[in-house]
Amino acid sequence: MSEPTPDDQALREALARVRTEVGKAVVGQDGAVTGLIIALLADGHVLLEGVPGVAKTLLVRSLSRALSLDTRRLQFTPDLMPGDVTGSLVYDPREAAFEFREGPVFTNVLLADEINRTPPKTQSALLESMEERQVSADGVTRPLPAPFIVAATQNPIEYEGTYALPEAQLDRFLLKLVLELPERDPEIAILRRHADGFNPRDLDAAGVQPVLGAAELLRAREAVARVGVGDDVLGYLVDLARATRVSPSVRLGVSPRGTTALLHAAKAWAWLSGYDSLTPDHLQAMLLPVWRHRVQLRPEAELEGVSADAVLRAIVQQVQVPL
């Protein structure tokens, strides 16, 4: 266990309070809340998957409120155009010139709702923003605010009217978090809140309060960057990735971008847990959400009902952990 600096400890305590604030509006999704915080600390984007009605949108809105971050929501539809996402040039008759009108992407947290309901052309409009944190239009590059993350929701692909995300865009998401239907007791708690007058569109009435802001979040990122990593842990990470590439159930294994993503997410989890150096346990804890959307299974494995999560769990059991 590390000896945290006073600032590090204060930031961790503040982020713990963020979970409490989000819990005032969202019940039973503690893992998803932690995943979103890790993504913010690791400067990565998040794909939230779940059936309609499991509070994906409310979760992102509540977290943005607790972190005092500007957020915009964009509903992805089949007729959405790329310029509706990034912005476009608009003619101003008063100035007799074209001016750039910023799109919803110019924010701290972009809630891309039901991203798989729009065609790949519009989905790809997010690629530059997600990777470079900028938008290029008319030969001018415009930086996005910092911090900036995309929190995209999608319905499971077997639902009608959806498009599979391109592999290149899937790879840009640091985490894929799966929001399951609640168990009996959490669902009763949800109904009790609604019976007592809870309105998910009114976060003020829910009592969700800002805890910290963008400046503190950027300081926390700097602290995460200082988490140490030994050569043996790096070797273990590479061995895990190489195991995905030779698995008989896998058509496309984890790329070097995927290993880098797991490294950054695991460092964020280590710091959040109070450690100043990375351990194999931290890699194992973050492996599923970071790699489940990067592993492409063979068709015959999918026909047999094999899932990416099951393959990754088996690999964790097989690869030797450094002592």
C-alpha atoms as a PDB file:
ATOM      1  CA  MET A   1       0.000   0.000   0.000  1.00  0.00           C
ATOM      2  CA  SER A   2       1.271   3.456  -0.885  1.00  0.00           C
ATOM      3  CA  GLU A   3       1.862   6.361   1.424  1.00  0.00           C
ATOM      4  CA  PRO A   4      -0.522   8.807  -0.266  1.00  0.00           C
ATOM      5  CA  THR A   5       0.178  12.517  -0.352  1.00  0.00           C
ATOM      6  CA  PRO A   6      -2.438  14.705   1.329  1.00  0.00           C
ATOM      7  CA  ASP A   7      -3.616  15.938  -2.074  1.00  0.00           C
ATOM      8  CA  ASP A   8      -3.911  12.398  -3.449  1.00  0.00           C
ATOM      9  CA  GLN A   9      -5.890  11.287  -0.414  1.00  0.00           C
ATOM     10  CA  ALA A  10      -8.203  14.302  -0.639  1.00  0.00           C
ATOM     11  CA  LEU A  11      -8.855  13.599  -4.315  1.00  0.00           C
ATOM     12  CA  ARG A  12      -9.648   9.939  -3.601  1.00  0.00           C
ATOM     13  CA  GLU A  13     -12.061  10.928  -0.852  1.00  0.00           C
ATOM     14  CA  ALA A  14     -13.741  13.410  -3.176  1.00  0.00           C
ATOM     15  CA  LEU A  15     -14.163  10.739  -5.855  1.00  0.00           C
ATOM     16  CA  ALA A  16     -15.648   8.431  -3.224  1.00  0.00           C
ATOM     17  CA  ARG A  17     -18.189  11.167  -2.471  1.00  0.00           C
ATOM     18  CA  VAL A  18     -18.949  11.318  -6.201  1.00  0.00           C
ATOM     19  CA  ARG A  19     -20.158   7.718  -5.979  1.00  0.00           C
ATOM     20  CA  THR A  20     -22.416   8.713  -3.095  1.00  0.00           C
ATOM     21  CA  GLU A  21     -23.889  11.617  -5.048  1.00  0.00           C
ATOM     22  CA  VAL A  22     -24.561   9.466  -8.128  1.00  0.00           C
ATOM     23  CA  GLY A  23     -26.193   6.898  -5.842  1.00  0.00           C
ATOM     24  CA  LYS A  24     -28.857   9.476  -4.972  1.00  0.00           C
ATOM     25  CA  ALA A  25     -30.195   9.111  -8.516  1.00  0.00           C
ATOM     26  CA  VAL A  26     -29.013   5.671  -9.684  1.00  0.00           C
ATOM     27  CA  VAL A  27     -29.551   2.439  -7.752  1.00  0.00           C
ATOM     28  CA  GLY A  28     -27.584  -0.789  -8.161  1.00  0.00           C
ATOM     29  CA  GLN A  29     -25.010   0.281 -10.755  1.00  0.00           C
ATOM     30  CA  ASP A  30     -21.962   0.806  -8.510  1.00  0.00           C
ATOM     31  CA  GLY A  31     -19.656  -1.049 -10.906  1.00  0.00           C
ATOM     32  CA  ALA A  32     -20.648   1.182 -13.813  1.00  0.00           C
ATOM     33  CA  VAL A  33     -20.116   4.318 -11.700  1.00  0.00           C
ATOM     34  CA  THR A  34     -16.610   3.143 -10.795  1.00  0.00           C
ATOM     35  CA  GLY A  35     -15.918   2.293 -14.435  1.00  0.00           C
ATOM     36  CA  LEU A  36     -16.885   5.783 -15.576  1.00  0.00           C
ATOM     37  CA  ILE A  37     -14.645   7.354 -12.932  1.00  0.00           C
ATOM     38  CA  ILE A  38     -11.748   5.144 -14.049  1.00  0.00           C
ATOM     39  CA  ALA A  39     -12.343   6.200 -17.656  1.00  0.00           C
ATOM     40  CA  LEU A  40     -12.191   9.860 -16.644  1.00  0.00           C
ATOM     41  CA  LEU A  41      -8.966   9.264 -14.714  1.00  0.00           C
ATOM     42  CA  ALA A  42      -7.442   7.369 -17.651  1.00  0.00           C
ATOM     43  CA  ASP A  43      -8.660   9.907 -20.237  1.00  0.00           C
ATOM     44  CA  GLY A  44     -10.674   7.283 -22.095  1.00  0.00           C
ATOM     45  CA  HIS A  45     -14.146   6.813 -23.535  1.00  0.00           C
ATOM     46  CA  VAL A  46     -16.866   4.444 -22.348  1.00  0.00           C
ATOM     47  CA  LEU A  47     -19.402   2.285 -24.152  1.00  0.00           C
ATOM     48  CA  LEU A  48     -22.420   1.469 -21.992  1.00  0.00           C
ATOM     49  CA  GLU A  49     -24.472  -1.498 -23.148  1.00  0.00           C
ATOM     50  CA  GLY A  50     -27.800  -2.596 -21.758  1.00  0.00           C
ATOM     51  CA  VAL A  51     -31.446  -2.985 -22.604  1.00  0.00           C
ATOM     52  CA  PRO A  52     -33.546   0.202 -22.577  1.00  0.00           C
ATOM     53  CA  GLY A  53     -34.533   1.369 -19.117  1.00  0.00           C
ATOM     54  CA  VAL A  54     -31.508   0.403 -16.978  1.00  0.00           C
ATOM     55  CA  ALA A  55     -30.536   4.060 -16.285  1.00  0.00           C
ATOM     56  CA  LYS A  56     -27.641   4.403 -18.749  1.00  0.00           C
ATOM     57  CA  THR A  57     -28.487   8.017 -19.569  1.00  0.00           C
ATOM     58  CA  LEU A  58     -29.313   8.946 -15.979  1.00  0.00           C
ATOM     59  CA  LEU A  59     -26.002   7.471 -14.843  1.00  0.00           C
ATOM     60  CA  VAL A  60     -23.970   9.712 -17.161  1.00  0.00           C
ATOM     61  CA  ARG A  61     -26.001  12.819 -16.344  1.00  0.00           C
ATOM     62  CA  SER A  62     -25.664  12.249 -12.602  1.00  0.00           C
ATOM     63  CA  LEU A  63     -21.912  11.675 -12.817  1.00  0.00           C
ATOM     64  CA  SER A  64     -21.415  14.831 -14.878  1.00  0.00           C
ATOM     65  CA  ARG A  65     -23.388  16.788 -12.296  1.00  0.00           C
ATOM     66  CA  ALA A  66     -21.341  15.418  -9.390  1.00  0.00           C
ATOM     67  CA  LEU A  67     -18.103  16.323 -11.211  1.00  0.00           C
ATOM     68  CA  SER A  68     -19.259  19.813 -12.276  1.00  0.00           C
ATOM     69  CA  LEU A  69     -18.577  18.917 -15.905  1.00  0.00           C
ATOM     70  CA  ASP A  70     -20.395  20.385 -18.861  1.00  0.00           C
ATOM     71  CA  THR A  71     -22.371  17.687 -20.624  1.00  0.00           C
ATOM     72  CA  ARG A  72     -24.446  17.500 -23.775  1.00  0.00           C
ATOM     73  CA  ARG A  73     -26.724  14.740 -24.941  1.00  0.00           C
ATOM     74  CA  LEU A  74     -27.008  13.738 -28.577  1.00  0.00           C
ATOM     75  CA  GLN A  75     -29.667  11.241 -29.617  1.00  0.00           C
ATOM     76  CA  PHE A  76     -28.278   9.153 -32.463  1.00  0.00           C
ATOM     77  CA  THR A  77     -30.895   8.388 -35.113  1.00  0.00           C
ATOM     78  CA  PRO A  78     -30.762   6.879 -38.631  1.00  0.00           C
ATOM     79  CA  ASP A  79     -30.958  10.339 -40.250  1.00  0.00           C
ATOM     80  CA  LEU A  80     -28.263  12.010 -38.099  1.00  0.00           C
ATOM     81  CA  MET A  81     -25.521  13.619 -40.207  1.00  0.00           C
ATOM     82  CA  PRO A  82     -21.791  13.933 -39.313  1.00  0.00           C
ATOM     83  CA  GLY A  83     -22.108  17.726 -39.102  1.00  0.00           C
ATOM     84  CA  ASP A  84     -24.829  17.288 -36.477  1.00  0.00           C
ATOM     85  CA  VAL A  85     -22.152  15.764 -34.249  1.00  0.00           C
ATOM     86  CA  THR A  86     -19.012  17.828 -34.852  1.00  0.00           C
ATOM     87  CA  GLY A  87     -20.468  21.095 -36.136  1.00  0.00           C
ATOM     88  CA  SER A  88     -20.568  22.688 -39.568  1.00  0.00           C
ATOM     89  CA  LEU A  89     -19.970  25.877 -41.544  1.00  0.00           C
ATOM     90  CA  VAL A  90     -23.018  28.152 -41.630  1.00  0.00           C
ATOM     91  CA  TYR A  91     -23.414  31.207 -43.830  1.00  0.00           C
ATOM     92  CA  ASP A  92     -23.938  34.437 -41.901  1.00  0.00           C
ATOM     93  CA  PRO A  93     -25.722  36.926 -44.205  1.00  0.00           C
ATOM     94  CA  ARG A  94     -24.935  39.840 -41.889  1.00  0.00           C
ATOM     95  CA  GLU A  95     -21.191  39.242 -42.216  1.00  0.00           C
ATOM     96  CA  ALA A  96     -21.440  37.822 -45.746  1.00  0.00           C
ATOM     97  CA  ALA A  97     -19.154  34.991 -44.649  1.00  0.00           C
ATOM     98  CA  PHE A  98     -19.227  31.442 -43.398  1.00  0.00           C
ATOM     99  CA  GLU A  99     -18.731  30.787 -39.703  1.00  0.00           C
ATOM    100  CA  PHE A 100     -18.222  27.512 -37.845  1.00  0.00           C
ATOM    101  CA  ARG A 101     -21.079  26.550 -35.580  1.00  0.00           C
ATOM    102  CA  GLU A 102     -19.887  24.143 -32.897  1.00  0.00           C
ATOM    103  CA  GLY A 103     -21.649  20.810 -32.573  1.00  0.00           C
ATOM    104  CA  PRO A 104     -22.547  18.967 -29.365  1.00  0.00           C
ATOM    105  CA  VAL A 105     -19.068  17.400 -29.294  1.00  0.00           C
ATOM    106  CA  PHE A 106     -17.685  20.647 -27.846  1.00  0.00           C
ATOM    107  CA  THR A 107     -18.283  19.716 -24.227  1.00  0.00           C
ATOM    108  CA  ASN A 108     -16.620  17.792 -21.379  1.00  0.00           C
ATOM    109  CA  VAL A 109     -18.886  14.737 -21.458  1.00  0.00           C
ATOM    110  CA  LEU A 110     -20.706  13.880 -24.669  1.00  0.00           C
ATOM    111  CA  LEU A 111     -23.584  11.519 -23.998  1.00  0.00           C
ATOM    112  CA  ALA A 112     -23.978   9.725 -27.320  1.00  0.00           C
ATOM    113  CA  ASP A 113     -27.314   8.063 -26.725  1.00  0.00           C
ATOM    114  CA  GLU A 114     -28.036   4.845 -28.656  1.00  0.00           C
ATOM    115  CA  ILE A 115     -24.952   5.280 -30.810  1.00  0.00           C
ATOM    116  CA  ASN A 116     -25.662   2.050 -32.688  1.00  0.00           C
ATOM    117  CA  ARG A 117     -28.928   3.424 -34.097  1.00  0.00           C
ATOM    118  CA  THR A 118     -27.088   5.629 -36.596  1.00  0.00           C
ATOM    119  CA  PRO A 119     -25.222   4.463 -39.739  1.00  0.00           C
ATOM    120  CA  PRO A 120     -21.421   3.954 -39.684  1.00  0.00           C
ATOM    121  CA  LYS A 121     -20.777   7.191 -41.619  1.00  0.00           C
ATOM    122  CA  THR A 122     -22.104   9.273 -38.747  1.00  0.00           C
ATOM    123  CA  GLN A 123     -20.551   7.009 -36.125  1.00  0.00           C
ATOM    124  CA  SER A 124     -17.169   7.606 -37.741  1.00  0.00           C
ATOM    125  CA  ALA A 125     -17.630  11.375 -37.371  1.00  0.00           C
ATOM    126  CA  LEU A 126     -16.694  10.857 -33.741  1.00  0.00           C
ATOM    127  CA  LEU A 127     -13.380   9.133 -34.514  1.00  0.00           C
ATOM    128  CA  GLU A 128     -11.185  12.229 -34.778  1.00  0.00           C
ATOM    129  CA  SER A 129     -12.804  13.763 -31.721  1.00  0.00           C
ATOM    130  CA  MET A 130     -12.329  10.603 -29.689  1.00  0.00           C
ATOM    131  CA  GLU A 131      -8.729   9.986 -30.705  1.00  0.00           C
ATOM    132  CA  GLU A 132      -7.301  13.482 -31.223  1.00  0.00           C
ATOM    133  CA  ARG A 133      -9.594  15.554 -28.967  1.00  0.00           C
ATOM    134  CA  GLN A 134     -10.130  17.971 -31.842  1.00  0.00           C
ATOM    135  CA  VAL A 135     -12.397  18.752 -34.782  1.00  0.00           C
ATOM    136  CA  SER A 136     -11.115  19.730 -38.227  1.00  0.00           C
ATOM    137  CA  ALA A 137     -13.354  21.732 -40.549  1.00  0.00           C
ATOM    138  CA  ASP A 138     -12.545  23.971 -43.502  1.00  0.00           C
ATOM    139  CA  GLY A 139      -8.828  23.469 -42.928  1.00  0.00           C
ATOM    140  CA  VAL A 140      -9.001  24.680 -39.311  1.00  0.00           C
ATOM    141  CA  THR A 141      -8.326  22.456 -36.307  1.00  0.00           C
ATOM    142  CA  ARG A 142     -10.384  23.275 -33.232  1.00  0.00           C
ATOM    143  CA  PRO A 143      -9.430  21.688 -29.892  1.00  0.00           C
ATOM    144  CA  LEU A 144     -12.100  20.210 -27.652  1.00  0.00           C
ATOM    145  CA  PRO A 145     -12.428  21.166 -23.966  1.00  0.00           C
ATOM    146  CA  ALA A 146     -10.384  19.268 -21.385  1.00  0.00           C
ATOM    147  CA  PRO A 147     -11.331  16.872 -19.989  1.00  0.00           C
ATOM    148  CA  PHE A 148     -13.322  15.340 -22.830  1.00  0.00           C
ATOM    149  CA  ILE A 149     -14.839  11.891 -22.968  1.00  0.00           C
ATOM    150  CA  VAL A 150     -17.559  10.206 -24.972  1.00  0.00           C
ATOM    151  CA  ALA A 151     -20.003   8.146 -22.943  1.00  0.00           C
ATOM    152  CA  ALA A 152     -21.935   6.228 -25.571  1.00  0.00           C
ATOM    153  CA  THR A 153     -24.912   4.015 -24.867  1.00  0.00           C
ATOM    154  CA  GLN A 154     -26.032   1.190 -27.096  1.00  0.00           C
ATOM    155  CA  ASN A 155     -28.744  -1.405 -27.060  1.00  0.00           C
ATOM    156  CA  PRO A 156     -27.732  -5.027 -27.590  1.00  0.00           C
ATOM    157  CA  ILE A 157     -27.148  -5.628 -31.286  1.00  0.00           C
ATOM    158  CA  GLU A 158     -29.927  -8.173 -31.649  1.00  0.00           C
ATOM    159  CA  TYR A 159     -32.510  -5.396 -31.263  1.00  0.00           C
ATOM    160  CA  GLU A 160     -34.126  -4.088 -34.452  1.00  0.00           C
ATOM    161  CA  GLY A 161     -32.881  -0.918 -36.137  1.00  0.00           C
ATOM    162  CA  THR A 162     -29.282  -1.093 -34.925  1.00  0.00           C
ATOM    163  CA  TYR A 163     -25.920  -1.012 -36.697  1.00  0.00           C
ATOM    164  CA  ALA A 164     -22.795  -2.780 -35.457  1.00  0.00           C
ATOM    165  CA  LEU A 165     -20.081  -0.295 -34.494  1.00  0.00           C
ATOM    166  CA  PRO A 166     -17.021  -0.470 -36.807  1.00  0.00           C
ATOM    167  CA  GLU A 167     -14.073  -2.269 -35.235  1.00  0.00           C
ATOM    168  CA  ALA A 168     -11.923   0.860 -35.584  1.00  0.00           C
ATOM    169  CA  GLN A 169     -14.393   2.827 -33.488  1.00  0.00           C
ATOM    170  CA  LEU A 170     -14.914   0.082 -30.931  1.00  0.00           C
ATOM    171  CA  ASP A 171     -11.160   0.115 -30.344  1.00  0.00           C
ATOM    172  CA  ARG A 172     -11.362   3.808 -29.387  1.00  0.00           C
ATOM    173  CA  PHE A 173     -13.484   3.021 -26.344  1.00  0.00           C
ATOM    174  CA  LEU A 174     -11.368   2.403 -23.274  1.00  0.00           C
ATOM    175  CA  LEU A 175     -14.104   0.420 -21.513  1.00  0.00           C
ATOM    176  CA  LYS A 176     -17.243  -1.437 -22.407  1.00  0.00           C
ATOM    177  CA  LEU A 177     -19.507  -1.635 -19.379  1.00  0.00           C
ATOM    178  CA  VAL A 178     -22.514  -3.947 -19.433  1.00  0.00           C
ATOM    179  CA  LEU A 179     -25.453  -2.762 -17.333  1.00  0.00           C
ATOM    180  CA  GLU A 180     -27.532  -5.733 -16.256  1.00  0.00           C
ATOM    181  CA  LEU A 181     -31.143  -5.755 -15.152  1.00  0.00           C
ATOM    182  CA  PRO A 182     -31.326  -5.114 -11.386  1.00  0.00           C
ATOM    183  CA  GLU A 183     -31.838  -7.855  -8.825  1.00  0.00           C
ATOM    184  CA  ARG A 184     -35.094  -7.991  -6.866  1.00  0.00           C
ATOM    185  CA  ASP A 185     -34.090  -5.799  -3.887  1.00  0.00           C
ATOM    186  CA  PRO A 186     -32.460  -3.003  -5.947  1.00  0.00           C
ATOM    187  CA  GLU A 187     -35.511  -2.936  -8.230  1.00  0.00           C
ATOM    188  CA  ILE A 188     -37.774  -2.586  -5.196  1.00  0.00           C
ATOM    189  CA  ALA A 189     -35.559   0.325  -4.060  1.00  0.00           C
ATOM    190  CA  ILE A 190     -35.951   1.939  -7.497  1.00  0.00           C
ATOM    191  CA  LEU A 191     -39.736   1.620  -7.310  1.00  0.00           C
ATOM    192  CA  ARG A 192     -39.761   3.024  -3.761  1.00  0.00           C
ATOM    193  CA  ARG A 193     -37.955   6.153  -4.969  1.00  0.00           C
ATOM    194  CA  HIS A 194     -40.435   6.636  -7.798  1.00  0.00           C
ATOM    195  CA  ALA A 195     -43.352   5.976  -5.466  1.00  0.00           C
ATOM    196  CA  ASP A 196     -41.990   8.739  -3.203  1.00  0.00           C
ATOM    197  CA  GLY A 197     -41.900  11.212  -6.098  1.00  0.00           C
ATOM    198  CA  PHE A 198     -38.444  10.787  -7.631  1.00  0.00           C
ATOM    199  CA  ASN A 199     -38.161  12.451 -11.052  1.00  0.00           C
ATOM    200  CA  PRO A 200     -35.141  11.234 -13.092  1.00  0.00           C
ATOM    201  CA  ARG A 201     -35.246  14.437 -15.164  1.00  0.00           C
ATOM    202  CA  ASP A 202     -34.802  16.640 -12.072  1.00  0.00           C
ATOM    203  CA  LEU A 203     -31.372  16.054 -10.533  1.00  0.00           C
ATOM    204  CA  ASP A 204     -31.836  19.088  -8.269  1.00  0.00           C
ATOM    205  CA  ALA A 205     -34.793  17.443  -6.584  1.00  0.00           C
ATOM    206  CA  ALA A 206     -32.815  14.210  -6.311  1.00  0.00           C
ATOM    207  CA  GLY A 207     -30.181  16.117  -4.344  1.00  0.00           C
ATOM    208  CA  VAL A 208     -27.200  15.344  -6.595  1.00  0.00           C
ATOM    209  CA  GLN A 209     -24.565  17.928  -5.655  1.00  0.00           C
ATOM    210  CA  PRO A 210     -21.244  18.849  -7.345  1.00  0.00           C
ATOM    211  CA  VAL A 211     -18.275  17.455  -5.423  1.00  0.00           C
ATOM    212  CA  LEU A 212     -15.237  18.456  -7.481  1.00  0.00           C
ATOM    213  CA  GLY A 213     -14.487  20.009 -10.852  1.00  0.00           C
ATOM    214  CA  ALA A 214     -12.356  19.726 -13.962  1.00  0.00           C
ATOM    215  CA  ALA A 215      -9.220  21.163 -12.310  1.00  0.00           C
ATOM    216  CA  GLU A 216      -9.259  18.553  -9.541  1.00  0.00           C
ATOM    217  CA  LEU A 217      -9.942  15.799 -12.066  1.00  0.00           C
ATOM    218  CA  LEU A 218      -6.893  16.840 -14.097  1.00  0.00           C
ATOM    219  CA  ARG A 219      -4.773  16.772 -10.909  1.00  0.00           C
ATOM    220  CA  ALA A 220      -6.022  13.251 -10.236  1.00  0.00           C
ATOM    221  CA  ARG A 221      -4.950  12.253 -13.759  1.00  0.00           C
ATOM    222  CA  GLU A 222      -1.463  13.536 -13.020  1.00  0.00           C
ATOM    223  CA  ALA A 223      -1.374  11.406  -9.873  1.00  0.00           C
ATOM    224  CA  VAL A 224      -2.484   8.337 -11.857  1.00  0.00           C
ATOM    225  CA  ALA A 225       0.373   8.915 -14.306  1.00  0.00           C
ATOM    226  CA  ARG A 226       2.846   8.614 -11.400  1.00  0.00           C
ATOM    227  CA  VAL A 227       1.752   5.049 -10.522  1.00  0.00           C
ATOM    228  CA  GLY A 228       4.792   2.810 -11.012  1.00  0.00           C
ATOM    229  CA  VAL A 229       4.883  -0.298 -13.178  1.00  0.00           C
ATOM    230  CA  GLY A 230       7.485  -3.064 -12.915  1.00  0.00           C
ATOM    231  CA  ASP A 231       8.907  -4.961 -15.888  1.00  0.00           C
ATOM    232  CA  ASP A 232       7.418  -8.215 -14.603  1.00  0.00           C
ATOM    233  CA  VAL A 233       3.924  -6.704 -14.621  1.00  0.00           C
ATOM    234  CA  LEU A 234       4.446  -5.374 -18.151  1.00  0.00           C
ATOM    235  CA  GLY A 235       5.563  -8.844 -19.224  1.00  0.00           C
ATOM    236  CA  TYR A 236       2.436 -10.353 -17.669  1.00  0.00           C
ATOM    237  CA  LEU A 237       0.282  -7.855 -19.568  1.00  0.00           C
ATOM    238  CA  VAL A 238       1.928  -8.785 -22.875  1.00  0.00           C
ATOM    239  CA  ASP A 239       1.527 -12.506 -22.113  1.00  0.00           C
ATOM    240  CA  LEU A 240      -2.214 -11.973 -21.553  1.00  0.00           C
ATOM    241  CA  ALA A 241      -2.520 -10.147 -24.871  1.00  0.00           C
ATOM    242  CA  ARG A 242      -0.535 -12.781 -26.760  1.00  0.00           C
ATOM    243  CA  ALA A 243      -2.781 -15.480 -25.302  1.00  0.00           C
ATOM    244  CA  THR A 244      -5.820 -13.808 -26.894  1.00  0.00           C
ATOM    245  CA  ARG A 245      -4.092 -13.878 -30.291  1.00  0.00           C
ATOM    246  CA  VAL A 246      -3.525 -17.654 -30.248  1.00  0.00           C
ATOM    247  CA  SER A 247      -6.793 -18.712 -28.616  1.00  0.00           C
ATOM    248  CA  PRO A 248      -8.662 -21.204 -30.845  1.00  0.00           C
ATOM    249  CA  SER A 249     -11.925 -19.328 -30.193  1.00  0.00           C
ATOM    250  CA  VAL A 250     -10.572 -15.930 -31.248  1.00  0.00           C
ATOM    251  CA  ARG A 251     -10.439 -14.545 -34.777  1.00  0.00           C
ATOM    252  CA  LEU A 252      -8.852 -11.212 -33.823  1.00  0.00           C
ATOM    253  CA  GLY A 253      -6.963 -10.813 -30.573  1.00  0.00           C
ATOM    254  CA  VAL A 254      -5.942  -7.763 -28.589  1.00  0.00           C
ATOM    255  CA  SER A 255      -3.750  -5.212 -30.392  1.00  0.00           C
ATOM    256  CA  PRO A 256      -0.985  -3.057 -28.858  1.00  0.00           C
ATOM    257  CA  ARG A 257      -3.597  -0.303 -28.467  1.00  0.00           C
ATOM    258  CA  GLY A 258      -5.541  -2.745 -26.330  1.00  0.00           C
ATOM    259  CA  THR A 259      -2.546  -3.483 -24.091  1.00  0.00           C
ATOM    260  CA  THR A 260      -1.939   0.250 -23.657  1.00  0.00           C
ATOM    261  CA  ALA A 261      -5.594   0.753 -22.772  1.00  0.00           C
ATOM    262  CA  LEU A 262      -5.452  -1.963 -20.106  1.00  0.00           C
ATOM    263  CA  LEU A 263      -2.277  -0.435 -18.680  1.00  0.00           C
ATOM    264  CA  HIS A 264      -3.869   3.004 -18.279  1.00  0.00           C
ATOM    265  CA  ALA A 265      -7.138   1.675 -16.864  1.00  0.00           C
ATOM    266  CA  ALA A 266      -5.320  -0.577 -14.388  1.00  0.00           C
ATOM    267  CA  LYS A 267      -3.125   2.334 -13.239  1.00  0.00           C
ATOM    268  CA  ALA A 268      -6.256   4.401 -12.614  1.00  0.00           C
ATOM    269  CA  TRP A 269      -7.792   1.549 -10.596  1.00  0.00           C
ATOM    270  CA  ALA A 270      -4.550   1.074  -8.634  1.00  0.00           C
ATOM    271  CA  TRP A 271      -4.387   4.772  -7.722  1.00  0.00           C
ATOM    272  CA  LEU A 272      -8.074   4.878  -6.844  1.00  0.00           C
ATOM    273  CA  SER A 273      -7.498   1.877  -4.554  1.00  0.00           C
ATOM    274  CA  GLY A 274      -4.598   3.617  -2.770  1.00  0.00           C
ATOM    275  CA  TYR A 275      -1.622   1.890  -4.432  1.00  0.00           C
ATOM    276  CA  ASP A 276       1.442   3.635  -5.840  1.00  0.00           C
ATOM    277  CA  SER A 277       2.469   0.733  -8.087  1.00  0.00           C
ATOM    278  CA  LEU A 278       0.655  -1.650 -10.401  1.00  0.00           C
ATOM    279  CA  THR A 279       0.074  -5.316  -9.526  1.00  0.00           C
ATOM    280  CA  PRO A 280      -1.270  -8.258 -11.571  1.00  0.00           C
ATOM    281  CA  ASP A 281      -4.485  -8.032  -9.539  1.00  0.00           C
ATOM    282  CA  HIS A 282      -5.169  -4.572 -10.960  1.00  0.00           C
ATOM    283  CA  LEU A 283      -4.708  -5.871 -14.504  1.00  0.00           C
ATOM    284  CA  GLN A 284      -7.050  -8.782 -13.853  1.00  0.00           C
ATOM    285  CA  ALA A 285      -9.692  -6.487 -12.331  1.00  0.00           C
ATOM    286  CA  MET A 286      -9.821  -4.286 -15.436  1.00  0.00           C
ATOM    287  CA  LEU A 287      -9.243  -6.919 -18.125  1.00  0.00           C
ATOM    288  CA  LEU A 288     -12.879  -7.733 -18.934  1.00  0.00           C
ATOM    289  CA  PRO A 289     -14.224  -4.177 -19.380  1.00  0.00           C
ATOM    290  CA  VAL A 290     -11.134  -3.106 -21.354  1.00  0.00           C
ATOM    291  CA  TRP A 291     -10.824  -6.120 -23.650  1.00  0.00           C
ATOM    292  CA  ARG A 292     -14.323  -7.615 -24.066  1.00  0.00           C
ATOM    293  CA  HIS A 293     -15.101  -5.369 -27.059  1.00  0.00           C
ATOM    294  CA  ARG A 294     -11.649  -5.773 -28.617  1.00  0.00           C
ATOM    295  CA  VAL A 295     -11.713  -9.563 -28.930  1.00  0.00           C
ATOM    296  CA  GLN A 296     -13.403 -10.825 -32.108  1.00  0.00           C
ATOM    297  CA  LEU A 297     -14.590 -14.421 -31.837  1.00  0.00           C
ATOM    298  CA  ARG A 298     -14.617 -16.994 -34.631  1.00  0.00           C
ATOM    299  CA  PRO A 299     -18.077 -17.673 -36.086  1.00  0.00           C
ATOM    300  CA  GLU A 300     -17.991 -21.299 -34.972  1.00  0.00           C
ATOM    301  CA  ALA A 301     -17.263 -20.225 -31.386  1.00  0.00           C
ATOM    302  CA  GLU A 302     -20.196 -17.814 -31.435  1.00  0.00           C
ATOM    303  CA  LEU A 303     -22.468 -20.575 -32.763  1.00  0.00           C
ATOM    304  CA  GLU A 304     -21.419 -22.710 -29.802  1.00  0.00           C
ATOM    305  CA  GLY A 305     -22.465 -19.922 -27.432  1.00  0.00           C
ATOM    306  CA  VAL A 306     -18.938 -18.902 -26.411  1.00  0.00           C
ATOM    307  CA  SER A 307     -18.685 -15.309 -25.181  1.00  0.00           C
ATOM    308  CA  ALA A 308     -15.724 -12.936 -25.179  1.00  0.00           C
ATOM    309  CA  ASP A 309     -15.965 -12.698 -21.389  1.00  0.00           C
ATOM    310  CA  ALA A 310     -15.708 -16.486 -21.043  1.00  0.00           C
ATOM    311  CA  VAL A 311     -12.636 -16.606 -23.305  1.00  0.00           C
ATOM    312  CA  LEU A 312     -10.932 -13.822 -21.349  1.00  0.00           C
ATOM    313  CA  ARG A 313     -11.676 -15.449 -18.000  1.00  0.00           C
ATOM    314  CA  ALA A 314     -10.133 -18.694 -19.253  1.00  0.00           C
ATOM    315  CA  ILE A 315      -7.024 -16.833 -20.409  1.00  0.00           C
ATOM    316  CA  VAL A 316      -6.610 -15.214 -16.988  1.00  0.00           C
ATOM    317  CA  GLN A 317      -6.710 -18.703 -15.453  1.00  0.00           C
ATOM    318  CA  GLN A 318      -4.137 -20.086 -17.925  1.00  0.00           C
ATOM    319  CA  VAL A 319      -1.478 -17.347 -18.048  1.00  0.00           C
ATOM    320  CA  GLN A 320       1.119 -17.617 -15.304  1.00  0.00           C
ATOM    321  CA  VAL A 321       1.120 -14.745 -12.819  1.00  0.00           C
ATOM    322  CA  PRO A 322       4.560 -13.309 -11.961  1.00  0.00           C
ATOM    323  CA  LEU A 323       5.619 -13.915  -8.379  1.00  0.00           C
END
